[in-house]
N, C-alpha and C. Protein backbone atom coordinates (compact mmCIF):
# COMPACT_ATOMS: atom_id res chain seq x y z
N MET A 1 89.47 57.58 157.11
CA MET A 1 90.29 58.01 155.99
C MET A 1 91.20 59.15 156.41
N TYR A 2 92.47 59.08 155.99
CA TYR A 2 93.43 60.15 156.32
C TYR A 2 93.78 60.95 155.08
N ALA A 3 93.95 62.24 155.26
CA ALA A 3 94.42 63.14 154.19
C ALA A 3 95.23 64.26 154.86
N ASN A 4 96.53 64.34 154.51
CA ASN A 4 97.42 65.34 155.12
C ASN A 4 97.45 65.20 156.64
N ASP A 5 97.52 63.92 157.11
CA ASP A 5 97.59 63.59 158.54
C ASP A 5 96.35 64.01 159.32
N ILE A 6 95.26 64.26 158.63
CA ILE A 6 94.01 64.60 159.30
C ILE A 6 92.99 63.49 159.04
N LYS A 7 92.41 63.00 160.11
CA LYS A 7 91.44 61.89 160.01
C LYS A 7 90.03 62.46 159.91
N SER A 8 89.30 62.00 158.89
CA SER A 8 87.92 62.46 158.73
C SER A 8 86.98 61.72 159.69
N ASN A 9 85.84 62.32 159.93
CA ASN A 9 84.86 61.70 160.83
C ASN A 9 84.16 60.54 160.14
N THR A 10 83.68 59.62 160.92
CA THR A 10 82.97 58.45 160.40
C THR A 10 81.52 58.82 160.09
N ARG A 11 81.07 58.38 158.93
CA ARG A 11 79.68 58.62 158.54
C ARG A 11 79.08 57.31 158.01
N TYR A 12 77.84 57.06 158.35
CA TYR A 12 77.15 55.86 157.86
C TYR A 12 76.43 56.18 156.55
N VAL A 13 76.55 55.29 155.57
CA VAL A 13 75.87 55.44 154.28
C VAL A 13 74.52 54.76 154.40
N THR A 14 73.44 55.57 154.38
CA THR A 14 72.09 55.02 154.54
C THR A 14 71.37 54.83 153.21
N CYS A 15 71.91 55.46 152.16
CA CYS A 15 71.27 55.34 150.84
C CYS A 15 72.33 55.57 149.77
N GLY A 16 72.37 54.72 148.75
CA GLY A 16 73.34 54.86 147.69
C GLY A 16 74.70 54.27 148.07
N VAL A 17 75.67 54.53 147.23
CA VAL A 17 77.03 54.04 147.46
C VAL A 17 78.02 55.18 147.27
N PRO A 18 79.18 55.12 147.91
CA PRO A 18 80.18 56.17 147.73
C PRO A 18 80.66 56.23 146.27
N GLN A 19 80.76 57.43 145.74
CA GLN A 19 81.23 57.57 144.36
C GLN A 19 82.69 57.15 144.23
N GLY A 20 82.97 56.34 143.19
CA GLY A 20 84.33 55.87 142.98
C GLY A 20 84.67 54.59 143.70
N SER A 21 83.70 54.01 144.40
CA SER A 21 83.98 52.76 145.11
C SER A 21 84.09 51.58 144.15
N THR A 22 84.77 50.52 144.55
CA THR A 22 84.94 49.33 143.71
C THR A 22 83.64 48.56 143.57
N LEU A 23 82.89 48.45 144.64
CA LEU A 23 81.67 47.66 144.63
C LEU A 23 80.48 48.44 144.07
N GLY A 24 80.59 49.77 144.03
CA GLY A 24 79.47 50.62 143.62
C GLY A 24 78.85 50.25 142.27
N PRO A 25 79.65 50.11 141.19
CA PRO A 25 79.06 49.80 139.87
C PRO A 25 78.29 48.48 139.86
N ILE A 26 78.80 47.47 140.56
CA ILE A 26 78.11 46.16 140.58
C ILE A 26 76.78 46.30 141.32
N LEU A 27 76.79 46.99 142.46
CA LEU A 27 75.56 47.16 143.22
C LEU A 27 74.54 47.97 142.43
N PHE A 28 75.01 48.97 141.68
CA PHE A 28 74.10 49.78 140.88
C PHE A 28 73.46 48.93 139.79
N LEU A 29 74.23 48.09 139.11
CA LEU A 29 73.69 47.23 138.06
C LEU A 29 72.63 46.28 138.63
N LEU A 30 72.90 45.74 139.81
CA LEU A 30 71.93 44.87 140.45
C LEU A 30 70.67 45.63 140.84
N TYR A 31 70.88 46.87 141.21
CA TYR A 31 69.77 47.72 141.69
C TYR A 31 68.77 48.04 140.57
N ILE A 32 69.29 48.29 139.36
CA ILE A 32 68.40 48.69 138.25
C ILE A 32 68.07 47.54 137.33
N ASN A 33 68.50 46.34 137.66
CA ASN A 33 68.37 45.20 136.76
C ASN A 33 66.92 44.82 136.46
N ASN A 34 65.97 45.18 137.33
CA ASN A 34 64.57 44.81 137.10
C ASN A 34 63.77 45.88 136.37
N LEU A 35 64.44 46.97 135.93
CA LEU A 35 63.72 48.02 135.21
C LEU A 35 62.98 47.48 133.98
N PRO A 36 63.59 46.62 133.15
CA PRO A 36 62.85 46.12 131.97
C PRO A 36 61.56 45.36 132.33
N CYS A 37 61.45 44.91 133.55
CA CYS A 37 60.27 44.12 133.96
C CYS A 37 59.05 45.00 134.23
N VAL A 38 59.25 46.32 134.43
CA VAL A 38 58.15 47.18 134.81
C VAL A 38 57.69 48.07 133.66
N THR A 39 58.24 47.88 132.48
CA THR A 39 57.86 48.73 131.35
C THR A 39 57.74 47.90 130.08
N LYS A 40 56.96 48.42 129.13
CA LYS A 40 56.81 47.75 127.84
C LYS A 40 57.72 48.35 126.77
N PHE A 41 58.59 49.29 127.19
CA PHE A 41 59.64 49.74 126.30
C PHE A 41 60.63 48.62 126.06
N ASN A 42 61.27 48.61 124.90
CA ASN A 42 62.45 47.77 124.71
C ASN A 42 63.59 48.47 125.41
N THR A 43 64.19 47.84 126.40
CA THR A 43 65.13 48.52 127.29
C THR A 43 66.54 48.02 127.07
N LEU A 44 67.47 48.97 126.87
CA LEU A 44 68.89 48.67 126.74
C LEU A 44 69.62 49.29 127.91
N LEU A 45 70.27 48.46 128.71
CA LEU A 45 70.97 48.95 129.91
C LEU A 45 72.46 48.77 129.72
N PHE A 46 73.21 49.87 129.92
CA PHE A 46 74.65 49.79 129.92
C PHE A 46 75.15 50.73 131.00
N ALA A 47 75.56 50.16 132.11
CA ALA A 47 75.97 50.96 133.29
C ALA A 47 74.82 51.89 133.66
N ASP A 48 75.09 53.19 133.74
CA ASP A 48 74.03 54.14 134.08
C ASP A 48 73.43 54.80 132.84
N ASP A 49 73.72 54.25 131.65
CA ASP A 49 73.18 54.79 130.41
C ASP A 49 72.04 53.88 129.96
N THR A 50 70.81 54.36 130.14
CA THR A 50 69.64 53.56 129.83
C THR A 50 68.96 54.10 128.58
N THR A 51 68.64 53.22 127.64
CA THR A 51 67.97 53.61 126.41
C THR A 51 66.65 52.86 126.27
N LEU A 52 65.58 53.60 125.99
CA LEU A 52 64.26 53.02 125.81
C LEU A 52 63.85 53.18 124.37
N THR A 53 63.36 52.13 123.74
CA THR A 53 62.93 52.22 122.34
C THR A 53 61.50 51.70 122.20
N LEU A 54 60.79 52.27 121.22
CA LEU A 54 59.40 51.88 120.96
C LEU A 54 59.12 52.18 119.49
N SER A 55 58.28 51.40 118.87
CA SER A 55 57.96 51.61 117.44
C SER A 55 56.45 51.61 117.22
N ASN A 56 56.04 52.35 116.18
CA ASN A 56 54.63 52.41 115.82
C ASN A 56 54.54 52.98 114.42
N GLY A 57 53.57 52.55 113.65
CA GLY A 57 53.42 53.03 112.28
C GLY A 57 52.89 54.46 112.21
N SER A 58 52.28 54.94 113.28
CA SER A 58 51.71 56.27 113.33
C SER A 58 52.50 57.12 114.34
N VAL A 59 52.93 58.32 113.90
CA VAL A 59 53.70 59.20 114.78
C VAL A 59 52.84 59.64 115.97
N ARG A 60 51.57 59.98 115.72
CA ARG A 60 50.69 60.45 116.78
C ARG A 60 50.39 59.33 117.80
N GLU A 61 50.21 58.11 117.30
CA GLU A 61 50.00 56.98 118.21
C GLU A 61 51.26 56.69 119.01
N LEU A 62 52.40 56.84 118.36
CA LEU A 62 53.68 56.62 119.02
C LEU A 62 53.87 57.66 120.13
N GLU A 63 53.56 58.90 119.86
CA GLU A 63 53.67 59.96 120.86
C GLU A 63 52.81 59.65 122.09
N LYS A 64 51.59 59.25 121.84
CA LYS A 64 50.67 58.93 122.92
C LYS A 64 51.17 57.74 123.74
N SER A 65 51.66 56.71 123.03
CA SER A 65 52.12 55.50 123.69
C SER A 65 53.37 55.77 124.53
N VAL A 66 54.29 56.56 124.02
CA VAL A 66 55.51 56.88 124.77
C VAL A 66 55.18 57.63 126.04
N ASN A 67 54.34 58.64 125.93
CA ASN A 67 53.97 59.43 127.12
C ASN A 67 53.28 58.58 128.18
N ASN A 68 52.42 57.66 127.72
CA ASN A 68 51.74 56.78 128.67
C ASN A 68 52.70 55.83 129.37
N LYS A 69 53.61 55.27 128.61
CA LYS A 69 54.54 54.28 129.16
C LYS A 69 55.60 54.91 130.04
N LEU A 70 55.88 56.18 129.84
CA LEU A 70 56.88 56.85 130.69
C LEU A 70 56.39 57.00 132.13
N THR A 71 55.07 56.94 132.35
CA THR A 71 54.57 57.04 133.71
C THR A 71 55.04 55.88 134.57
N SER A 72 55.15 54.69 133.98
CA SER A 72 55.63 53.52 134.74
C SER A 72 57.10 53.67 135.07
N ILE A 73 57.87 54.30 134.18
CA ILE A 73 59.29 54.54 134.45
C ILE A 73 59.45 55.52 135.61
N VAL A 74 58.65 56.59 135.59
CA VAL A 74 58.70 57.57 136.67
C VAL A 74 58.33 56.95 138.01
N ALA A 75 57.27 56.14 138.01
CA ALA A 75 56.82 55.48 139.25
C ALA A 75 57.91 54.54 139.78
N TRP A 76 58.56 53.80 138.89
CA TRP A 76 59.62 52.89 139.33
C TRP A 76 60.79 53.64 139.93
N MET A 77 61.17 54.76 139.30
CA MET A 77 62.30 55.54 139.80
C MET A 77 61.98 56.18 141.15
N GLN A 78 60.76 56.67 141.30
CA GLN A 78 60.37 57.24 142.58
C GLN A 78 60.39 56.18 143.69
N ALA A 79 59.93 54.98 143.38
CA ALA A 79 59.90 53.90 144.36
C ALA A 79 61.31 53.47 144.74
N ASN A 80 62.27 53.63 143.81
CA ASN A 80 63.64 53.22 144.07
C ASN A 80 64.57 54.39 144.40
N LYS A 81 63.96 55.57 144.66
CA LYS A 81 64.70 56.76 145.08
C LYS A 81 65.78 57.18 144.06
N LEU A 82 65.39 57.10 142.79
CA LEU A 82 66.27 57.54 141.72
C LEU A 82 65.65 58.75 141.01
N THR A 83 66.48 59.57 140.40
CA THR A 83 66.00 60.73 139.67
C THR A 83 66.56 60.74 138.25
N ILE A 84 65.81 61.38 137.35
CA ILE A 84 66.23 61.48 135.96
C ILE A 84 67.01 62.77 135.77
N ASN A 85 68.15 62.67 135.11
CA ASN A 85 68.91 63.85 134.77
C ASN A 85 68.37 64.37 133.42
N PHE A 86 67.50 65.37 133.49
CA PHE A 86 66.83 65.86 132.29
C PHE A 86 67.78 66.60 131.35
N LYS A 87 68.92 67.09 131.88
CA LYS A 87 69.88 67.74 131.02
C LYS A 87 70.55 66.76 130.06
N LYS A 88 70.57 65.49 130.45
CA LYS A 88 71.19 64.47 129.61
C LYS A 88 70.16 63.54 128.98
N THR A 89 68.89 63.89 129.11
CA THR A 89 67.82 63.03 128.59
C THR A 89 67.19 63.67 127.35
N ASN A 90 67.10 62.94 126.27
CA ASN A 90 66.45 63.44 125.06
C ASN A 90 65.94 62.25 124.26
N PHE A 91 65.29 62.53 123.15
CA PHE A 91 64.80 61.43 122.34
C PHE A 91 65.04 61.72 120.86
N ILE A 92 65.13 60.68 120.09
CA ILE A 92 65.35 60.78 118.66
C ILE A 92 64.29 59.93 117.95
N LEU A 93 63.81 60.43 116.82
CA LEU A 93 62.74 59.78 116.09
C LEU A 93 63.28 59.29 114.76
N PHE A 94 63.21 57.98 114.53
CA PHE A 94 63.60 57.39 113.26
C PHE A 94 62.36 57.16 112.42
N GLY A 95 62.40 57.61 111.17
CA GLY A 95 61.20 57.46 110.34
C GLY A 95 61.52 57.61 108.88
N ASP A 96 60.50 58.00 108.12
CA ASP A 96 60.61 58.19 106.68
C ASP A 96 61.67 59.25 106.39
N LYS A 97 62.64 58.91 105.54
CA LYS A 97 63.72 59.85 105.23
C LYS A 97 63.21 61.09 104.49
N SER A 98 62.10 60.99 103.82
CA SER A 98 61.59 62.11 103.04
C SER A 98 60.75 63.09 103.85
N GLN A 99 60.45 62.74 105.10
CA GLN A 99 59.61 63.59 105.94
C GLN A 99 60.29 63.86 107.28
N LYS A 100 59.98 65.01 107.85
CA LYS A 100 60.51 65.35 109.16
C LYS A 100 59.36 65.43 110.14
N HIS A 101 59.37 64.58 111.14
CA HIS A 101 58.31 64.52 112.13
C HIS A 101 58.81 65.06 113.47
N SER A 102 57.87 65.43 114.30
CA SER A 102 58.21 65.87 115.66
C SER A 102 57.17 65.34 116.62
N MET A 103 57.53 65.17 117.88
CA MET A 103 56.61 64.72 118.91
C MET A 103 56.80 65.56 120.16
N ASN A 104 55.78 65.60 120.98
CA ASN A 104 55.84 66.27 122.27
C ASN A 104 55.87 65.21 123.37
N ILE A 105 57.04 65.03 123.96
CA ILE A 105 57.24 64.01 124.96
C ILE A 105 57.48 64.67 126.32
N PHE A 106 56.75 64.18 127.34
CA PHE A 106 56.85 64.73 128.69
C PHE A 106 57.18 63.63 129.67
N CYS A 107 57.94 64.00 130.70
CA CYS A 107 58.28 63.05 131.77
C CYS A 107 58.36 63.85 133.07
N SER A 108 57.53 63.49 134.04
CA SER A 108 57.45 64.23 135.31
C SER A 108 57.20 65.72 135.05
N GLN A 109 56.32 66.00 134.09
CA GLN A 109 55.95 67.36 133.71
C GLN A 109 57.13 68.14 133.11
N GLN A 110 58.18 67.44 132.75
CA GLN A 110 59.34 68.06 132.10
C GLN A 110 59.29 67.72 130.61
N ILE A 111 59.59 68.68 129.78
CA ILE A 111 59.63 68.45 128.33
C ILE A 111 60.95 67.76 127.98
N ILE A 112 60.84 66.65 127.28
CA ILE A 112 62.03 65.95 126.78
C ILE A 112 62.35 66.48 125.40
N SER A 113 63.54 66.98 125.20
CA SER A 113 63.89 67.59 123.92
C SER A 113 64.16 66.55 122.84
N GLN A 114 63.75 66.88 121.62
CA GLN A 114 63.99 66.02 120.47
C GLN A 114 65.30 66.44 119.81
N VAL A 115 66.13 65.48 119.42
CA VAL A 115 67.41 65.77 118.78
C VAL A 115 67.50 65.04 117.45
N ASP A 116 68.36 65.55 116.57
CA ASP A 116 68.55 64.93 115.25
C ASP A 116 69.65 63.86 115.27
N SER A 117 70.51 63.90 116.29
CA SER A 117 71.54 62.87 116.44
C SER A 117 71.81 62.65 117.92
N VAL A 118 72.17 61.45 118.26
CA VAL A 118 72.40 61.10 119.66
C VAL A 118 73.63 60.19 119.74
N LYS A 119 74.42 60.35 120.78
CA LYS A 119 75.58 59.47 120.96
C LYS A 119 75.20 58.29 121.83
N TYR A 120 75.43 57.10 121.32
CA TYR A 120 75.16 55.88 122.07
C TYR A 120 76.41 55.01 122.06
N LEU A 121 77.00 54.85 123.23
CA LEU A 121 78.21 54.04 123.39
C LEU A 121 79.31 54.48 122.43
N GLY A 122 79.46 55.79 122.28
CA GLY A 122 80.55 56.32 121.47
C GLY A 122 80.25 56.45 119.99
N ILE A 123 79.05 56.11 119.57
CA ILE A 123 78.67 56.23 118.15
C ILE A 123 77.54 57.25 118.01
N LEU A 124 77.73 58.21 117.10
CA LEU A 124 76.70 59.21 116.84
C LEU A 124 75.71 58.65 115.82
N ILE A 125 74.45 58.55 116.25
CA ILE A 125 73.40 58.02 115.39
C ILE A 125 72.46 59.15 115.03
N ASP A 126 72.26 59.39 113.74
CA ASP A 126 71.35 60.45 113.30
C ASP A 126 70.00 59.87 112.93
N SER A 127 68.99 60.75 112.87
CA SER A 127 67.62 60.31 112.68
C SER A 127 67.35 59.66 111.33
N LYS A 128 68.23 59.93 110.34
CA LYS A 128 68.06 59.35 109.00
C LYS A 128 68.99 58.15 108.79
N LEU A 129 69.78 57.83 109.79
CA LEU A 129 70.75 56.73 109.70
C LEU A 129 71.69 56.88 108.51
N LYS A 130 72.13 58.11 108.29
CA LYS A 130 73.10 58.38 107.23
C LYS A 130 74.52 58.34 107.76
N TRP A 131 74.68 58.40 109.08
CA TRP A 131 76.00 58.34 109.75
C TRP A 131 76.87 59.55 109.44
N THR A 132 76.26 60.62 108.94
CA THR A 132 77.03 61.83 108.61
C THR A 132 77.69 62.44 109.84
N SER A 133 76.93 62.56 110.91
CA SER A 133 77.45 63.18 112.14
C SER A 133 78.61 62.38 112.70
N HIS A 134 78.48 61.06 112.69
CA HIS A 134 79.54 60.20 113.24
C HIS A 134 80.81 60.31 112.40
N LEU A 135 80.66 60.30 111.08
CA LEU A 135 81.83 60.37 110.20
C LEU A 135 82.53 61.73 110.30
N GLU A 136 81.75 62.79 110.45
CA GLU A 136 82.37 64.12 110.61
C GLU A 136 83.13 64.19 111.93
N ASN A 137 82.54 63.65 112.98
CA ASN A 137 83.21 63.66 114.28
C ASN A 137 84.48 62.80 114.25
N LEU A 138 84.37 61.67 113.57
CA LEU A 138 85.52 60.77 113.44
C LEU A 138 86.65 61.43 112.65
N GLY A 139 86.28 62.18 111.61
CA GLY A 139 87.27 62.89 110.82
C GLY A 139 88.03 63.92 111.63
N LYS A 140 87.34 64.63 112.51
CA LYS A 140 87.97 65.64 113.35
C LYS A 140 88.99 64.99 114.29
N LYS A 141 88.66 63.81 114.80
CA LYS A 141 89.58 63.11 115.70
C LYS A 141 90.83 62.65 114.95
N VAL A 142 90.63 62.17 113.73
CA VAL A 142 91.76 61.72 112.91
C VAL A 142 92.69 62.90 112.63
N ALA A 143 92.09 64.03 112.27
CA ALA A 143 92.88 65.19 111.89
C ALA A 143 93.60 65.83 113.07
N SER A 144 93.02 65.73 114.25
CA SER A 144 93.57 66.47 115.39
C SER A 144 94.75 65.78 116.06
N VAL A 145 94.91 64.47 115.83
CA VAL A 145 95.93 63.73 116.56
C VAL A 145 97.31 63.80 115.90
N LEU A 146 97.42 63.24 114.68
CA LEU A 146 98.72 63.14 114.04
C LEU A 146 99.28 64.47 113.56
N PHE A 147 98.42 65.32 113.02
CA PHE A 147 98.92 66.56 112.42
C PHE A 147 99.56 67.47 113.46
N LYS A 148 99.06 67.42 114.69
CA LYS A 148 99.66 68.25 115.75
C LYS A 148 100.98 67.68 116.25
N LEU A 149 101.09 66.35 116.20
CA LEU A 149 102.29 65.71 116.71
C LEU A 149 103.41 65.63 115.68
N GLN A 150 103.06 65.68 114.42
CA GLN A 150 104.01 65.42 113.34
C GLN A 150 105.33 66.22 113.43
N PRO A 151 105.28 67.51 113.77
CA PRO A 151 106.54 68.27 113.82
C PRO A 151 107.46 67.87 114.99
N PHE A 152 106.90 67.16 115.99
CA PHE A 152 107.68 66.92 117.21
C PHE A 152 108.02 65.45 117.46
N ALA A 153 107.51 64.53 116.64
CA ALA A 153 107.69 63.11 116.92
C ALA A 153 108.28 62.41 115.70
N ASP A 154 109.00 61.30 115.96
CA ASP A 154 109.55 60.52 114.84
C ASP A 154 108.51 59.54 114.33
N VAL A 155 108.86 58.84 113.25
CA VAL A 155 107.90 57.95 112.60
C VAL A 155 107.45 56.83 113.53
N HIS A 156 108.37 56.27 114.32
CA HIS A 156 108.01 55.16 115.23
C HIS A 156 106.95 55.60 116.23
N LEU A 157 107.13 56.77 116.83
CA LEU A 157 106.15 57.26 117.81
C LEU A 157 104.83 57.59 117.14
N LEU A 158 104.89 58.20 115.94
CA LEU A 158 103.66 58.54 115.24
C LEU A 158 102.85 57.29 114.88
N ARG A 159 103.56 56.22 114.56
CA ARG A 159 102.86 54.97 114.23
C ARG A 159 102.15 54.41 115.46
N ILE A 160 102.81 54.48 116.62
CA ILE A 160 102.19 54.01 117.86
C ILE A 160 100.94 54.83 118.17
N VAL A 161 101.06 56.16 118.01
CA VAL A 161 99.95 57.05 118.25
C VAL A 161 98.80 56.76 117.27
N TYR A 162 99.16 56.50 116.02
CA TYR A 162 98.14 56.22 115.01
C TYR A 162 97.30 55.01 115.39
N PHE A 163 97.94 53.91 115.78
CA PHE A 163 97.19 52.70 116.09
C PHE A 163 96.43 52.80 117.40
N SER A 164 96.94 53.58 118.34
CA SER A 164 96.27 53.68 119.65
C SER A 164 95.15 54.69 119.66
N LEU A 165 95.29 55.81 118.94
CA LEU A 165 94.32 56.88 119.01
C LEU A 165 93.53 57.12 117.73
N VAL A 166 94.05 56.68 116.60
CA VAL A 166 93.34 56.91 115.34
C VAL A 166 92.69 55.63 114.81
N TYR A 167 93.50 54.61 114.60
CA TYR A 167 92.98 53.37 114.01
C TYR A 167 91.92 52.72 114.91
N SER A 168 92.16 52.73 116.23
CA SER A 168 91.21 52.14 117.15
C SER A 168 89.84 52.81 117.06
N ARG A 169 89.84 54.13 116.92
CA ARG A 169 88.59 54.86 116.77
C ARG A 169 87.98 54.64 115.39
N ARG A 170 88.84 54.50 114.39
CA ARG A 170 88.37 54.34 113.03
C ARG A 170 87.59 53.06 112.80
N ILE A 171 88.00 51.99 113.45
CA ILE A 171 87.32 50.70 113.22
C ILE A 171 86.19 50.46 114.21
N TYR A 172 86.11 51.31 115.25
CA TYR A 172 85.05 51.12 116.26
C TYR A 172 83.68 51.40 115.61
N GLY A 173 82.78 50.44 115.71
CA GLY A 173 81.45 50.60 115.16
C GLY A 173 81.38 50.57 113.66
N ILE A 174 82.42 50.02 113.01
CA ILE A 174 82.50 50.07 111.55
C ILE A 174 81.39 49.25 110.87
N LEU A 175 80.90 48.22 111.54
CA LEU A 175 79.81 47.44 110.96
C LEU A 175 78.53 48.27 110.81
N ASN A 176 78.45 49.36 111.57
CA ASN A 176 77.31 50.25 111.46
C ASN A 176 77.56 51.36 110.45
N TRP A 177 78.60 52.18 110.70
CA TRP A 177 78.79 53.36 109.84
C TRP A 177 79.29 53.03 108.44
N ALA A 178 79.79 51.83 108.23
CA ALA A 178 80.27 51.46 106.88
C ALA A 178 79.12 51.32 105.90
N THR A 179 77.88 51.33 106.37
CA THR A 179 76.72 51.25 105.47
C THR A 179 76.39 52.61 104.87
N ALA A 180 77.11 53.67 105.30
CA ALA A 180 76.89 55.00 104.73
C ALA A 180 77.33 55.02 103.27
N ASN A 181 76.85 56.00 102.50
CA ASN A 181 77.28 56.10 101.10
C ASN A 181 78.74 56.49 101.05
N TRP A 182 79.39 56.10 99.95
CA TRP A 182 80.86 56.28 99.84
C TRP A 182 81.24 57.76 99.83
N ALA A 183 80.35 58.62 99.36
CA ALA A 183 80.66 60.06 99.34
C ALA A 183 80.93 60.57 100.74
N SER A 184 80.21 60.06 101.74
CA SER A 184 80.42 60.47 103.12
C SER A 184 81.70 59.87 103.68
N ILE A 185 81.99 58.62 103.32
CA ILE A 185 83.18 57.94 103.83
C ILE A 185 84.43 58.48 103.15
N ALA A 186 84.28 58.99 101.91
CA ALA A 186 85.43 59.46 101.13
C ALA A 186 86.19 60.59 101.84
N ASP A 187 85.46 61.47 102.52
CA ASP A 187 86.11 62.56 103.25
C ASP A 187 87.01 62.02 104.35
N LEU A 188 86.53 60.98 105.03
CA LEU A 188 87.34 60.35 106.06
C LEU A 188 88.55 59.67 105.46
N ALA A 189 88.39 59.08 104.27
CA ALA A 189 89.50 58.43 103.60
C ALA A 189 90.58 59.44 103.21
N LYS A 190 90.18 60.64 102.78
CA LYS A 190 91.15 61.67 102.43
C LYS A 190 91.96 62.10 103.65
N LEU A 191 91.29 62.26 104.77
CA LEU A 191 91.98 62.61 106.01
C LEU A 191 92.96 61.52 106.43
N ASN A 192 92.53 60.28 106.24
CA ASN A 192 93.40 59.15 106.59
C ASN A 192 94.63 59.10 105.69
N ASN A 193 94.44 59.46 104.40
CA ASN A 193 95.57 59.51 103.47
C ASN A 193 96.54 60.63 103.88
N ARG A 194 96.00 61.75 104.31
CA ARG A 194 96.86 62.82 104.80
C ARG A 194 97.61 62.38 106.05
N ALA A 195 96.95 61.59 106.88
CA ALA A 195 97.59 61.11 108.10
C ALA A 195 98.78 60.19 107.77
N ILE A 196 98.63 59.31 106.79
CA ILE A 196 99.71 58.39 106.44
C ILE A 196 100.88 59.15 105.82
N ARG A 197 100.60 60.20 105.06
CA ARG A 197 101.67 61.02 104.50
C ARG A 197 102.37 61.80 105.61
N SER A 198 101.59 62.27 106.57
CA SER A 198 102.17 62.99 107.69
C SER A 198 103.06 62.07 108.51
N LEU A 199 102.63 60.81 108.61
CA LEU A 199 103.40 59.84 109.40
C LEU A 199 104.74 59.54 108.72
N HIS A 200 104.74 59.37 107.40
CA HIS A 200 105.97 59.00 106.69
C HIS A 200 106.73 60.18 106.11
N ARG A 201 106.07 61.36 106.12
CA ARG A 201 106.69 62.57 105.57
C ARG A 201 107.11 62.37 104.10
N ARG A 202 106.30 61.67 103.35
CA ARG A 202 106.57 61.44 101.92
C ARG A 202 105.41 61.91 101.10
N GLU A 203 105.69 62.77 100.10
CA GLU A 203 104.63 63.40 99.35
C GLU A 203 104.39 62.75 97.99
N ARG A 204 105.38 62.10 97.40
CA ARG A 204 105.25 61.65 96.01
C ARG A 204 105.09 60.15 95.85
N ILE A 205 104.90 59.44 96.94
CA ILE A 205 104.69 57.99 96.88
C ILE A 205 103.20 57.70 96.96
N PRO A 206 102.67 56.79 96.12
CA PRO A 206 101.23 56.47 96.15
C PRO A 206 100.76 56.04 97.55
N HIS A 207 99.53 56.39 97.86
CA HIS A 207 98.99 56.07 99.19
C HIS A 207 99.05 54.57 99.47
N ARG A 208 98.69 53.77 98.49
CA ARG A 208 98.64 52.31 98.72
C ARG A 208 100.02 51.78 99.11
N ASP A 209 101.07 52.30 98.50
CA ASP A 209 102.42 51.84 98.86
C ASP A 209 102.80 52.26 100.27
N LEU A 210 102.37 53.47 100.68
CA LEU A 210 102.67 53.92 102.03
C LEU A 210 101.94 53.08 103.07
N PHE A 211 100.67 52.76 102.79
CA PHE A 211 99.92 51.93 103.72
C PHE A 211 100.52 50.52 103.79
N TYR A 212 100.93 50.00 102.64
CA TYR A 212 101.51 48.66 102.60
C TYR A 212 102.82 48.59 103.39
N SER A 213 103.67 49.58 103.22
CA SER A 213 104.96 49.57 103.92
C SER A 213 104.76 49.74 105.43
N ALA A 214 103.69 50.43 105.82
CA ALA A 214 103.40 50.63 107.24
C ALA A 214 102.54 49.51 107.82
N ARG A 215 102.16 48.54 107.00
CA ARG A 215 101.30 47.43 107.42
C ARG A 215 99.96 47.95 107.95
N MET A 216 99.39 48.86 107.21
CA MET A 216 98.10 49.46 107.55
C MET A 216 97.15 49.26 106.36
N MET A 217 95.86 49.41 106.65
CA MET A 217 94.86 49.27 105.61
C MET A 217 94.22 50.62 105.32
N GLN A 218 93.92 50.88 104.04
CA GLN A 218 93.21 52.08 103.66
C GLN A 218 91.76 51.98 104.13
N ILE A 219 91.09 53.13 104.17
CA ILE A 219 89.70 53.16 104.62
C ILE A 219 88.82 52.22 103.78
N LYS A 220 88.94 52.30 102.48
CA LYS A 220 88.07 51.48 101.62
C LYS A 220 88.34 50.01 101.82
N ASP A 221 89.61 49.63 102.06
CA ASP A 221 89.90 48.21 102.29
C ASP A 221 89.33 47.75 103.62
N THR A 222 89.40 48.60 104.65
CA THR A 222 88.86 48.28 105.95
C THR A 222 87.36 48.12 105.90
N VAL A 223 86.70 49.06 105.20
CA VAL A 223 85.25 49.03 105.09
C VAL A 223 84.77 47.78 104.36
N PHE A 224 85.35 47.49 103.20
CA PHE A 224 84.92 46.35 102.40
C PHE A 224 85.25 45.03 103.09
N THR A 225 86.38 45.00 103.82
CA THR A 225 86.75 43.77 104.56
C THR A 225 85.75 43.49 105.65
N ARG A 226 85.37 44.53 106.40
CA ARG A 226 84.43 44.36 107.51
C ARG A 226 83.05 43.95 107.02
N LEU A 227 82.64 44.49 105.86
CA LEU A 227 81.34 44.14 105.33
C LEU A 227 81.36 42.74 104.72
């Protein structure tokens, strides 16, 4: 490899793959593909993001079962020369909405922290499945894009930005978060209404007419259509 007319020395890769290589992701997927075979967790694999799920009617039995089953995960990783990034590892407990439970989970003598919400493939999932965290985060993204650009861009550019950075995020995972109560979704709808007014710079025209002229759908129409 050359950089600034200087040739680097040759090195042999004896373990792992070079970061950023084309073949690396495929080899990694093949390498971890047998993980579900060595554990009784329900295993979800997406690139290097691995999610383990387990259910039990008793919180104490669930805690015991999780800790026992994690030993097989640790053994498999040690045998395959892999390590767990504990800074990015946590667990979330789904249960009775009227009660708050906690568990003590350990892995390689490290405490795994319990969280109230977790991001999975771009969607924030909270322990009560109310989708409040995801909707709040989505609202911030909607508000931060168009309102900052509005003084400097024309309507055509703002519309392009809306569909590429706002609408695409708004409909992502909608089959999940649309099950939230309307009170939570209403705040996102208000921000979206502000965004359409910001796009057209018109204050006295009804929202529905603005969305219709822009060939866009309101939040409530999008939600009900998807459901």
